[in-house]
Amino acid sequence: MVPSSFNLIPFDELRIAGPPNPVLSGATVLSSTMFGWSMVLEGPPSQAIIARRSVRTYSTDPIPADVLQSLEESCASHPPAPFGEVAEFQVVERPFKRGEPVKLGDYGLQRNPRYFIIGTVTPSPTARMSYGYLLEHLVLRATELGLGTCWMGYFNPEYFPELARDGVTPAISVVGVPERPRLGERLTRRAVRADKRKDWSVMFFDGTFERPLSREAAGEWAGPLEMLRLAPSAGNGQPWRVVRDGDGTFHLYLHRVKKRYHERGLHDVDIGIAMAHLELAAREAGLSGEWRVEDPGLSAPDGTEYRVSWFTH
């Protein structure tokens, strides 16, 4: 359930421009220029987060030139990686045969894929988290512009010779003008339960993994945590677990869902996506902080590993 303090707007009306609207109850929402909640987004991040969905059916129409230019400019001006890596992103076009479904990897068919957001990040132990964090900013920007997107953790790199061979590219995103989903896409979404999210009691904890964190107890952080809960993930596995400690720090843990996703590093990409959602929604609500890797040493369930913490200011 989305908190009532967040305003839902139709996907096809999303192209956000102009000053932000106050969407978080009790929060002083400042302009993005004054507060700097994002170097990429122009409107309230929560609106793009709520509107985003995975799209697998695209129009054969090209992305309008002004929209494509805006997205390319966002790729060139993305925020810095949270752990200091160097990353580059670009939009590329591929002339796949129109009207026929294309299998770009092992995650379903894409109909009329034409544009892709691709990137690389310098190798490091945290590179995949940084990559997920950065690419999700661009996915949300594309959503703001009224475009459809679909994360792809499995793809054939031969389609994309632009990728730097000395960098890490754990995922890409299809992007384009969305069309009404066909039956096959609706069945695929149903099969992976694409719109289903785990309950708060499974994801969020208070001090220890033995004590779930309720929305009421989360207070001003209920909105940002809900925006994290809505984050996309490989196979909709939702591998993040979050523990709030006594001083207001939020520790993010990776819970292994599928062996093949974990071995490919996609769960770490998912953690990066969750980081982007939490930070963007927190800054929208006037809650500042920073990411640091400082393991609190909590006792964690089997298959659950510490990754990163958000320290509030």
C-alpha atoms as a PDB file:
ATOM      1  CA  MET A   1       0.000   0.000   0.000  1.00  0.00           C
ATOM      2  CA  VAL A   2       1.288   3.487  -0.883  1.00  0.00           C
ATOM      3  CA  PRO A   3       1.010   6.001   1.982  1.00  0.00           C
ATOM      4  CA  SER A   4      -1.821   8.475   1.512  1.00  0.00           C
ATOM      5  CA  SER A   5       0.675  11.334   1.687  1.00  0.00           C
ATOM      6  CA  PHE A   6       2.033  10.379  -1.741  1.00  0.00           C
ATOM      7  CA  ASN A   7       0.134  11.629  -4.787  1.00  0.00           C
ATOM      8  CA  LEU A   8      -0.463   9.026  -7.489  1.00  0.00           C
ATOM      9  CA  ILE A   9      -0.559  10.305 -11.055  1.00  0.00           C
ATOM     10  CA  PRO A  10      -1.266   8.327 -14.221  1.00  0.00           C
ATOM     11  CA  PHE A  11       1.786   6.964 -16.027  1.00  0.00           C
ATOM     12  CA  ASP A  12       0.822   8.561 -19.337  1.00  0.00           C
ATOM     13  CA  GLU A  13       0.471  11.976 -17.676  1.00  0.00           C
ATOM     14  CA  LEU A  14       3.770  11.808 -15.815  1.00  0.00           C
ATOM     15  CA  ARG A  15       6.058  13.996 -17.909  1.00  0.00           C
ATOM     16  CA  ILE A  16       6.891  16.207 -14.955  1.00  0.00           C
ATOM     17  CA  ALA A  17       8.041  19.791 -15.368  1.00  0.00           C
ATOM     18  CA  GLY A  18       8.065  22.909 -13.285  1.00  0.00           C
ATOM     19  CA  PRO A  19       8.250  23.276  -9.507  1.00  0.00           C
ATOM     20  CA  PRO A  20       7.807  20.217  -7.249  1.00  0.00           C
ATOM     21  CA  ASN A  21       4.622  19.536  -5.331  1.00  0.00           C
ATOM     22  CA  PRO A  22       4.634  18.763  -1.589  1.00  0.00           C
ATOM     23  CA  VAL A  23       3.975  15.031  -1.568  1.00  0.00           C
ATOM     24  CA  LEU A  24       5.224  14.078   1.867  1.00  0.00           C
ATOM     25  CA  SER A  25       3.034  14.944   4.823  1.00  0.00           C
ATOM     26  CA  GLY A  26       4.736  17.164   7.343  1.00  0.00           C
ATOM     27  CA  ALA A  27       7.754  17.744   5.100  1.00  0.00           C
ATOM     28  CA  THR A  28       9.067  21.051   3.838  1.00  0.00           C
ATOM     29  CA  VAL A  29       9.608  20.338   0.163  1.00  0.00           C
ATOM     30  CA  LEU A  30      12.208  22.656  -1.300  1.00  0.00           C
ATOM     31  CA  SER A  31      13.075  23.125  -4.943  1.00  0.00           C
ATOM     32  CA  SER A  32      15.396  20.506  -6.394  1.00  0.00           C
ATOM     33  CA  THR A  33      17.898  23.271  -7.185  1.00  0.00           C
ATOM     34  CA  MET A  34      17.891  24.583  -3.602  1.00  0.00           C
ATOM     35  CA  PHE A  35      17.974  21.247  -1.833  1.00  0.00           C
ATOM     36  CA  GLY A  36      19.632  19.071  -4.458  1.00  0.00           C
ATOM     37  CA  TRP A  37      17.636  15.873  -4.067  1.00  0.00           C
ATOM     38  CA  SER A  38      18.840  14.811  -7.505  1.00  0.00           C
ATOM     39  CA  MET A  39      21.180  15.983 -10.245  1.00  0.00           C
ATOM     40  CA  VAL A  40      18.938  14.187 -12.755  1.00  0.00           C
ATOM     41  CA  LEU A  41      15.276  14.463 -11.741  1.00  0.00           C
ATOM     42  CA  GLU A  42      13.283  17.668 -12.187  1.00  0.00           C
ATOM     43  CA  GLY A  43      10.146  16.730 -10.251  1.00  0.00           C
ATOM     44  CA  PRO A  44       9.440  14.979  -6.941  1.00  0.00           C
ATOM     45  CA  PRO A  45      11.209  11.585  -6.992  1.00  0.00           C
ATOM     46  CA  SER A  46       8.257   9.850  -5.325  1.00  0.00           C
ATOM     47  CA  GLN A  47       6.049  10.555  -8.338  1.00  0.00           C
ATOM     48  CA  ALA A  48       8.485   8.896 -10.728  1.00  0.00           C
ATOM     49  CA  ILE A  49       9.041   5.985  -8.325  1.00  0.00           C
ATOM     50  CA  ILE A  50       5.315   5.312  -8.024  1.00  0.00           C
ATOM     51  CA  ALA A  51       4.696   5.643 -11.774  1.00  0.00           C
ATOM     52  CA  ARG A  52       7.623   3.491 -12.939  1.00  0.00           C
ATOM     53  CA  ARG A  53       6.832   0.037 -14.261  1.00  0.00           C
ATOM     54  CA  SER A  54       8.665  -2.463 -16.427  1.00  0.00           C
ATOM     55  CA  VAL A  55       7.587  -2.136 -20.066  1.00  0.00           C
ATOM     56  CA  ARG A  56       8.194  -4.808 -22.692  1.00  0.00           C
ATOM     57  CA  THR A  57       6.019  -3.509 -25.533  1.00  0.00           C
ATOM     58  CA  TYR A  58       7.144  -0.314 -27.241  1.00  0.00           C
ATOM     59  CA  SER A  59       5.811   1.839 -30.032  1.00  0.00           C
ATOM     60  CA  THR A  60       7.622   1.780 -33.362  1.00  0.00           C
ATOM     61  CA  ASP A  61       7.669   5.584 -33.144  1.00  0.00           C
ATOM     62  CA  PRO A  62      11.011   7.171 -32.314  1.00  0.00           C
ATOM     63  CA  ILE A  63      11.517   8.949 -29.021  1.00  0.00           C
ATOM     64  CA  PRO A  64      10.730  12.644 -29.713  1.00  0.00           C
ATOM     65  CA  ALA A  65      13.925  14.583 -30.341  1.00  0.00           C
ATOM     66  CA  ASP A  66      13.506  16.933 -27.382  1.00  0.00           C
ATOM     67  CA  VAL A  67      12.802  14.058 -25.008  1.00  0.00           C
ATOM     68  CA  LEU A  68      15.768  12.063 -26.286  1.00  0.00           C
ATOM     69  CA  GLN A  69      18.005  15.096 -25.866  1.00  0.00           C
ATOM     70  CA  SER A  70      16.831  15.547 -22.272  1.00  0.00           C
ATOM     71  CA  LEU A  71      17.571  11.904 -21.490  1.00  0.00           C
ATOM     72  CA  GLU A  72      21.000  12.103 -23.116  1.00  0.00           C
ATOM     73  CA  GLU A  73      21.793  15.208 -21.097  1.00  0.00           C
ATOM     74  CA  SER A  74      20.807  13.341 -17.937  1.00  0.00           C
ATOM     75  CA  CYS A  75      23.158  10.502 -18.884  1.00  0.00           C
ATOM     76  CA  ALA A  76      25.966  13.029 -19.213  1.00  0.00           C
ATOM     77  CA  SER A  77      25.199  14.715 -15.880  1.00  0.00           C
ATOM     78  CA  HIS A  78      24.370  11.771 -13.616  1.00  0.00           C
ATOM     79  CA  PRO A  79      25.246  12.066  -9.913  1.00  0.00           C
ATOM     80  CA  PRO A  80      28.569  10.749  -8.623  1.00  0.00           C
ATOM     81  CA  ALA A  81      28.789   7.097  -7.687  1.00  0.00           C
ATOM     82  CA  PRO A  82      28.162   6.682  -3.944  1.00  0.00           C
ATOM     83  CA  PHE A  83      31.436   4.805  -3.447  1.00  0.00           C
ATOM     84  CA  GLY A  84      33.650   6.857  -5.714  1.00  0.00           C
ATOM     85  CA  GLU A  85      33.755   4.736  -8.870  1.00  0.00           C
ATOM     86  CA  VAL A  86      33.834   6.365 -12.296  1.00  0.00           C
ATOM     87  CA  ALA A  87      30.759   5.618 -14.427  1.00  0.00           C
ATOM     88  CA  GLU A  88      29.592   6.553 -17.906  1.00  0.00           C
ATOM     89  CA  PHE A  89      26.128   6.170 -19.458  1.00  0.00           C
ATOM     90  CA  GLN A  90      24.677   6.747 -22.902  1.00  0.00           C
ATOM     91  CA  VAL A  91      21.545   6.120 -24.934  1.00  0.00           C
ATOM     92  CA  VAL A  92      22.085   3.925 -27.995  1.00  0.00           C
ATOM     93  CA  GLU A  93      19.738   2.953 -30.811  1.00  0.00           C
ATOM     94  CA  ARG A  94      19.595  -0.507 -32.364  1.00  0.00           C
ATOM     95  CA  PRO A  95      17.738  -1.295 -35.619  1.00  0.00           C
ATOM     96  CA  PHE A  96      15.947  -4.479 -34.589  1.00  0.00           C
ATOM     97  CA  LYS A  97      13.225  -5.596 -36.991  1.00  0.00           C
ATOM     98  CA  ARG A  98      10.047  -3.796 -36.060  1.00  0.00           C
ATOM     99  CA  GLY A  99       6.889  -5.595 -35.057  1.00  0.00           C
ATOM    100  CA  GLU A 100       8.607  -8.802 -34.027  1.00  0.00           C
ATOM    101  CA  PRO A 101       9.507  -9.797 -30.466  1.00  0.00           C
ATOM    102  CA  VAL A 102      13.231  -9.763 -29.718  1.00  0.00           C
ATOM    103  CA  LYS A 103      14.981 -11.944 -27.156  1.00  0.00           C
ATOM    104  CA  LEU A 104      17.890  -9.871 -25.878  1.00  0.00           C
ATOM    105  CA  GLY A 105      18.691 -12.188 -22.989  1.00  0.00           C
ATOM    106  CA  ASP A 106      16.903 -14.800 -20.922  1.00  0.00           C
ATOM    107  CA  TYR A 107      14.318 -12.501 -19.336  1.00  0.00           C
ATOM    108  CA  GLY A 108      11.318 -12.544 -21.641  1.00  0.00           C
ATOM    109  CA  LEU A 109      10.721 -10.956 -25.033  1.00  0.00           C
ATOM    110  CA  GLN A 110      10.860  -7.287 -25.885  1.00  0.00           C
ATOM    111  CA  ARG A 111       8.582  -6.038 -28.649  1.00  0.00           C
ATOM    112  CA  ASN A 112       9.953  -3.169 -30.757  1.00  0.00           C
ATOM    113  CA  PRO A 113      13.006  -2.442 -28.577  1.00  0.00           C
ATOM    114  CA  ARG A 114      14.891   0.393 -30.200  1.00  0.00           C
ATOM    115  CA  TYR A 115      16.681   2.451 -27.572  1.00  0.00           C
ATOM    116  CA  PHE A 116      18.812   1.350 -24.631  1.00  0.00           C
ATOM    117  CA  ILE A 117      20.490   3.039 -21.682  1.00  0.00           C
ATOM    118  CA  ILE A 118      23.859   1.366 -21.296  1.00  0.00           C
ATOM    119  CA  GLY A 119      26.847   2.158 -19.126  1.00  0.00           C
ATOM    120  CA  THR A 120      30.021   1.016 -17.453  1.00  0.00           C
ATOM    121  CA  VAL A 121      31.546   1.530 -14.027  1.00  0.00           C
ATOM    122  CA  THR A 122      35.122   1.007 -12.905  1.00  0.00           C
ATOM    123  CA  PRO A 123      35.630  -2.344 -11.146  1.00  0.00           C
ATOM    124  CA  SER A 124      35.489  -2.365  -7.347  1.00  0.00           C
ATOM    125  CA  PRO A 125      33.854  -4.447  -4.594  1.00  0.00           C
ATOM    126  CA  THR A 126      30.936  -1.977  -4.576  1.00  0.00           C
ATOM    127  CA  ALA A 127      30.756  -1.362  -8.355  1.00  0.00           C
ATOM    128  CA  ARG A 128      27.485  -3.221  -8.881  1.00  0.00           C
ATOM    129  CA  MET A 129      25.736  -1.337  -6.111  1.00  0.00           C
ATOM    130  CA  SER A 130      26.966   1.961  -7.545  1.00  0.00           C
ATOM    131  CA  TYR A 131      25.861   0.959 -11.032  1.00  0.00           C
ATOM    132  CA  GLY A 132      22.356   0.064  -9.849  1.00  0.00           C
ATOM    133  CA  TYR A 133      22.134   3.321  -7.907  1.00  0.00           C
ATOM    134  CA  LEU A 134      23.143   5.414 -10.936  1.00  0.00           C
ATOM    135  CA  LEU A 135      21.151   3.617 -13.625  1.00  0.00           C
ATOM    136  CA  GLU A 136      17.990   3.790 -11.515  1.00  0.00           C
ATOM    137  CA  HIS A 137      18.358   7.579 -11.429  1.00  0.00           C
ATOM    138  CA  LEU A 138      18.278   7.506 -15.232  1.00  0.00           C
ATOM    139  CA  VAL A 139      15.377   5.035 -15.324  1.00  0.00           C
ATOM    140  CA  LEU A 140      13.380   7.394 -13.110  1.00  0.00           C
ATOM    141  CA  ARG A 141      14.340  10.325 -15.307  1.00  0.00           C
ATOM    142  CA  ALA A 142      13.060   8.409 -18.344  1.00  0.00           C
ATOM    143  CA  THR A 143       9.831   7.767 -16.429  1.00  0.00           C
ATOM    144  CA  GLU A 144       9.553  11.493 -15.710  1.00  0.00           C
ATOM    145  CA  LEU A 145       9.812  12.112 -19.440  1.00  0.00           C
ATOM    146  CA  GLY A 146       6.886   9.757 -20.133  1.00  0.00           C
ATOM    147  CA  LEU A 147       9.035   6.891 -21.436  1.00  0.00           C
ATOM    148  CA  GLY A 148       8.841   3.203 -20.619  1.00  0.00           C
ATOM    149  CA  THR A 149      11.831   1.230 -19.361  1.00  0.00           C
ATOM    150  CA  CYS A 150      12.788  -2.328 -18.509  1.00  0.00           C
ATOM    151  CA  TRP A 151      15.858  -3.369 -16.528  1.00  0.00           C
ATOM    152  CA  MET A 152      17.797  -6.260 -18.079  1.00  0.00           C
ATOM    153  CA  GLY A 153      20.417  -8.111 -16.042  1.00  0.00           C
ATOM    154  CA  TYR A 154      20.872 -10.733 -18.740  1.00  0.00           C
ATOM    155  CA  PHE A 155      21.715  -9.453 -22.207  1.00  0.00           C
ATOM    156  CA  ASN A 156      24.027 -10.199 -25.115  1.00  0.00           C
ATOM    157  CA  PRO A 157      26.931  -7.713 -24.958  1.00  0.00           C
ATOM    158  CA  GLU A 158      27.614  -8.315 -28.675  1.00  0.00           C
ATOM    159  CA  TYR A 159      24.654  -6.031 -29.373  1.00  0.00           C
ATOM    160  CA  PHE A 160      26.473  -3.165 -27.653  1.00  0.00           C
ATOM    161  CA  PRO A 161      30.052  -2.692 -28.903  1.00  0.00           C
ATOM    162  CA  GLU A 162      30.079   0.764 -27.270  1.00  0.00           C
ATOM    163  CA  LEU A 163      30.566  -0.827 -23.855  1.00  0.00           C
ATOM    164  CA  ALA A 164      34.050  -0.293 -22.435  1.00  0.00           C
ATOM    165  CA  ARG A 165      35.812  -3.618 -22.132  1.00  0.00           C
ATOM    166  CA  ASP A 166      37.712  -2.564 -19.008  1.00  0.00           C
ATOM    167  CA  GLY A 167      34.542  -1.612 -17.115  1.00  0.00           C
ATOM    168  CA  VAL A 168      31.687  -3.437 -15.421  1.00  0.00           C
ATOM    169  CA  THR A 169      28.231  -3.532 -17.047  1.00  0.00           C
ATOM    170  CA  PRO A 170      26.014  -5.694 -14.847  1.00  0.00           C
ATOM    171  CA  ALA A 171      22.737  -4.542 -16.448  1.00  0.00           C
ATOM    172  CA  ILE A 172      21.173  -2.268 -19.056  1.00  0.00           C
ATOM    173  CA  SER A 173      17.720  -0.771 -19.554  1.00  0.00           C
ATOM    174  CA  VAL A 174      15.476  -0.777 -22.572  1.00  0.00           C
ATOM    175  CA  VAL A 175      13.842   2.641 -23.035  1.00  0.00           C
ATOM    176  CA  GLY A 176      11.238   3.899 -25.473  1.00  0.00           C
ATOM    177  CA  VAL A 177       7.724   5.120 -26.110  1.00  0.00           C
ATOM    178  CA  PRO A 178       5.461   2.619 -24.306  1.00  0.00           C
ATOM    179  CA  GLU A 179       2.509   0.877 -25.920  1.00  0.00           C
ATOM    180  CA  ARG A 180      -0.375  -0.904 -24.288  1.00  0.00           C
ATOM    181  CA  PRO A 181       0.983  -4.272 -23.106  1.00  0.00           C
ATOM    182  CA  ARG A 182      -0.019  -7.328 -25.098  1.00  0.00           C
ATOM    183  CA  LEU A 183      -1.339 -10.528 -23.577  1.00  0.00           C
ATOM    184  CA  GLY A 184       2.132 -12.112 -23.515  1.00  0.00           C
ATOM    185  CA  GLU A 185       3.562  -9.227 -21.535  1.00  0.00           C
ATOM    186  CA  ARG A 186       0.674  -9.271 -19.080  1.00  0.00           C
ATOM    187  CA  LEU A 187       1.191 -13.003 -18.563  1.00  0.00           C
ATOM    188  CA  THR A 188       4.932 -12.490 -18.040  1.00  0.00           C
ATOM    189  CA  ARG A 189       4.296  -9.814 -15.434  1.00  0.00           C
ATOM    190  CA  ARG A 190       1.804 -12.088 -13.719  1.00  0.00           C
ATOM    191  CA  ALA A 191       4.244 -15.020 -13.771  1.00  0.00           C
ATOM    192  CA  VAL A 192       7.005 -13.035 -12.037  1.00  0.00           C
ATOM    193  CA  ARG A 193       4.462 -11.208  -9.853  1.00  0.00           C
ATOM    194  CA  ALA A 194       5.978  -7.981 -11.131  1.00  0.00           C
ATOM    195  CA  ASP A 195       3.636  -5.702  -9.184  1.00  0.00           C
ATOM    196  CA  LYS A 196       3.760  -7.666  -5.948  1.00  0.00           C
ATOM    197  CA  ARG A 197       5.842  -6.369  -3.046  1.00  0.00           C
ATOM    198  CA  LYS A 198       6.736  -8.104   0.195  1.00  0.00           C
ATOM    199  CA  ASP A 199       5.135  -6.916   3.416  1.00  0.00           C
ATOM    200  CA  TRP A 200       6.872  -4.448   5.680  1.00  0.00           C
ATOM    201  CA  SER A 201       7.284  -7.182   8.294  1.00  0.00           C
ATOM    202  CA  VAL A 202       9.536  -9.095   5.881  1.00  0.00           C
ATOM    203  CA  MET A 203      11.683  -6.144   4.774  1.00  0.00           C
ATOM    204  CA  PHE A 204      12.078  -3.680   7.637  1.00  0.00           C
ATOM    205  CA  PHE A 205      13.303  -4.263  11.181  1.00  0.00           C
ATOM    206  CA  ASP A 206      13.858  -2.223  14.324  1.00  0.00           C
ATOM    207  CA  GLY A 207      17.213  -2.758  16.037  1.00  0.00           C
ATOM    208  CA  THR A 208      17.291  -6.491  15.404  1.00  0.00           C
ATOM    209  CA  PHE A 209      16.057  -8.924  12.784  1.00  0.00           C
ATOM    210  CA  GLU A 210      13.726 -10.340  15.421  1.00  0.00           C
ATOM    211  CA  ARG A 211      11.679  -7.134  15.680  1.00  0.00           C
ATOM    212  CA  PRO A 212       9.759  -5.919  12.578  1.00  0.00           C
ATOM    213  CA  LEU A 213       9.523  -2.168  12.026  1.00  0.00           C
ATOM    214  CA  SER A 214       5.954  -0.944  11.578  1.00  0.00           C
ATOM    215  CA  ARG A 215       4.917   2.050   9.494  1.00  0.00           C
ATOM    216  CA  GLU A 216       3.767   3.807  12.625  1.00  0.00           C
ATOM    217  CA  ALA A 217       7.074   3.263  14.411  1.00  0.00           C
ATOM    218  CA  ALA A 218       9.008   4.409  11.331  1.00  0.00           C
ATOM    219  CA  GLY A 219       7.552   7.907  11.724  1.00  0.00           C
ATOM    220  CA  GLU A 220       8.946  10.390   9.197  1.00  0.00           C
ATOM    221  CA  TRP A 221      10.837   7.565   7.496  1.00  0.00           C
ATOM    222  CA  ALA A 222       7.678   5.645   6.560  1.00  0.00           C
ATOM    223  CA  GLY A 223       7.477   7.400   3.182  1.00  0.00           C
ATOM    224  CA  PRO A 224      11.117   6.872   2.133  1.00  0.00           C
ATOM    225  CA  LEU A 225      11.016   3.235   3.252  1.00  0.00           C
ATOM    226  CA  GLU A 226       7.837   2.676   1.244  1.00  0.00           C
ATOM    227  CA  MET A 227       9.579   4.128  -1.812  1.00  0.00           C
ATOM    228  CA  LEU A 228      12.426   1.659  -1.229  1.00  0.00           C
ATOM    229  CA  ARG A 229       9.873  -1.144  -1.036  1.00  0.00           C
ATOM    230  CA  LEU A 230       8.630  -0.216  -4.523  1.00  0.00           C
ATOM    231  CA  ALA A 231      12.073  -0.589  -6.110  1.00  0.00           C
ATOM    232  CA  PRO A 232      12.445  -2.996  -9.058  1.00  0.00           C
ATOM    233  CA  SER A 233      14.729  -6.021  -8.741  1.00  0.00           C
ATOM    234  CA  ALA A 234      15.908  -9.029 -10.712  1.00  0.00           C
ATOM    235  CA  GLY A 235      12.996 -11.432 -11.035  1.00  0.00           C
ATOM    236  CA  ASN A 236      11.183  -9.181  -8.537  1.00  0.00           C
ATOM    237  CA  GLY A 237      13.173 -10.982  -5.845  1.00  0.00           C
ATOM    238  CA  GLN A 238      13.325  -7.908  -3.547  1.00  0.00           C
ATOM    239  CA  PRO A 239      16.556  -9.048  -1.867  1.00  0.00           C
ATOM    240  CA  TRP A 240      16.921  -6.055   0.467  1.00  0.00           C
ATOM    241  CA  ARG A 241      16.424  -6.131   4.213  1.00  0.00           C
ATOM    242  CA  VAL A 242      16.697  -2.967   6.295  1.00  0.00           C
ATOM    243  CA  VAL A 243      17.432  -2.629  10.029  1.00  0.00           C
ATOM    244  CA  ARG A 244      17.012   0.724  11.796  1.00  0.00           C
ATOM    245  CA  ASP A 245      19.211   1.163  14.825  1.00  0.00           C
ATOM    246  CA  GLY A 246      18.739   3.443  17.808  1.00  0.00           C
ATOM    247  CA  ASP A 247      20.469   6.511  16.375  1.00  0.00           C
ATOM    248  CA  GLY A 248      18.401   6.544  13.186  1.00  0.00           C
ATOM    249  CA  THR A 249      20.917   4.755  10.960  1.00  0.00           C
ATOM    250  CA  PHE A 250      19.454   2.359   8.397  1.00  0.00           C
ATOM    251  CA  HIS A 251      21.529  -0.732   7.629  1.00  0.00           C
ATOM    252  CA  LEU A 252      20.851  -2.437   4.274  1.00  0.00           C
ATOM    253  CA  TYR A 253      21.384  -6.177   4.024  1.00  0.00           C
ATOM    254  CA  LEU A 254      21.341  -8.457   0.993  1.00  0.00           C
ATOM    255  CA  HIS A 255      19.152 -11.533   1.369  1.00  0.00           C
ATOM    256  CA  ARG A 256      20.003 -14.181  -1.243  1.00  0.00           C
ATOM    257  CA  VAL A 257      16.896 -15.078  -3.218  1.00  0.00           C
ATOM    258  CA  LYS A 258      18.185 -16.940  -6.280  1.00  0.00           C
ATOM    259  CA  LYS A 259      21.632 -18.477  -6.644  1.00  0.00           C
ATOM    260  CA  ARG A 260      22.071 -17.412 -10.263  1.00  0.00           C
ATOM    261  CA  TYR A 261      21.149 -13.805  -9.505  1.00  0.00           C
ATOM    262  CA  HIS A 262      23.531 -13.731  -6.564  1.00  0.00           C
ATOM    263  CA  GLU A 263      26.419 -15.275  -8.494  1.00  0.00           C
ATOM    264  CA  ARG A 264      25.972 -12.783 -11.328  1.00  0.00           C
ATOM    265  CA  GLY A 265      25.958  -9.878  -8.878  1.00  0.00           C
ATOM    266  CA  LEU A 266      22.394  -8.839  -9.691  1.00  0.00           C
ATOM    267  CA  HIS A 267      21.378  -8.815  -6.036  1.00  0.00           C
ATOM    268  CA  ASP A 268      24.046  -6.155  -5.472  1.00  0.00           C
ATOM    269  CA  VAL A 269      22.622  -4.150  -8.389  1.00  0.00           C
ATOM    270  CA  ASP A 270      19.244  -4.434  -6.670  1.00  0.00           C
ATOM    271  CA  ILE A 271      20.729  -3.060  -3.434  1.00  0.00           C
ATOM    272  CA  GLY A 272      21.986  -0.080  -5.441  1.00  0.00           C
ATOM    273  CA  ILE A 273      18.496   0.497  -6.857  1.00  0.00           C
ATOM    274  CA  ALA A 274      17.063   0.379  -3.324  1.00  0.00           C
ATOM    275  CA  MET A 275      19.717   2.895  -2.208  1.00  0.00           C
ATOM    276  CA  ALA A 276      18.624   5.302  -4.931  1.00  0.00           C
ATOM    277  CA  HIS A 277      14.962   5.066  -3.912  1.00  0.00           C
ATOM    278  CA  LEU A 278      15.661   5.536  -0.204  1.00  0.00           C
ATOM    279  CA  GLU A 279      18.008   8.485  -0.698  1.00  0.00           C
ATOM    280  CA  LEU A 280      15.849  10.285  -3.263  1.00  0.00           C
ATOM    281  CA  ALA A 281      12.690   9.948  -1.160  1.00  0.00           C
ATOM    282  CA  ALA A 282      14.555  10.943   2.009  1.00  0.00           C
ATOM    283  CA  ARG A 283      15.924  14.096   0.422  1.00  0.00           C
ATOM    284  CA  GLU A 284      12.474  14.904  -0.947  1.00  0.00           C
ATOM    285  CA  ALA A 285      11.183  14.711   2.623  1.00  0.00           C
ATOM    286  CA  GLY A 286      13.964  16.988   3.879  1.00  0.00           C
ATOM    287  CA  LEU A 287      15.873  14.138   5.540  1.00  0.00           C
ATOM    288  CA  SER A 288      19.602  14.326   4.873  1.00  0.00           C
ATOM    289  CA  GLY A 289      22.274  11.691   5.268  1.00  0.00           C
ATOM    290  CA  GLU A 290      25.064   9.789   3.575  1.00  0.00           C
ATOM    291  CA  TRP A 291      26.019   6.252   2.586  1.00  0.00           C
ATOM    292  CA  ARG A 292      28.864   4.488   4.397  1.00  0.00           C
ATOM    293  CA  VAL A 293      29.989   0.878   4.596  1.00  0.00           C
ATOM    294  CA  GLU A 294      30.252   0.231   8.338  1.00  0.00           C
ATOM    295  CA  ASP A 295      29.035  -3.204   9.362  1.00  0.00           C
ATOM    296  CA  PRO A 296      27.144  -2.917  12.684  1.00  0.00           C
ATOM    297  CA  GLY A 297      27.824  -6.574  13.452  1.00  0.00           C
ATOM    298  CA  LEU A 298      24.197  -7.566  13.907  1.00  0.00           C
ATOM    299  CA  SER A 299      23.210 -11.206  14.037  1.00  0.00           C
ATOM    300  CA  ALA A 300      21.595 -11.877  10.643  1.00  0.00           C
ATOM    301  CA  PRO A 301      19.507 -14.794   9.347  1.00  0.00           C
ATOM    302  CA  ASP A 302      21.083 -17.388   7.087  1.00  0.00           C
ATOM    303  CA  GLY A 303      21.676 -16.130   3.567  1.00  0.00           C
ATOM    304  CA  THR A 304      21.607 -12.487   4.697  1.00  0.00           C
ATOM    305  CA  GLU A 305      24.734 -10.326   4.339  1.00  0.00           C
ATOM    306  CA  TYR A 306      25.481  -6.732   5.314  1.00  0.00           C
ATOM    307  CA  ARG A 307      26.067  -4.288   2.453  1.00  0.00           C
ATOM    308  CA  VAL A 308      25.751  -0.573   3.327  1.00  0.00           C
ATOM    309  CA  SER A 309      24.275   1.930   5.804  1.00  0.00           C
ATOM    310  CA  TRP A 310      22.471   5.279   5.502  1.00  0.00           C
ATOM    311  CA  PHE A 311      23.651   7.569   8.276  1.00  0.00           C
ATOM    312  CA  THR A 312      21.244  10.418   8.973  1.00  0.00           C
ATOM    313  CA  HIS A 313      22.546  13.927   9.608  1.00  0.00           C
END
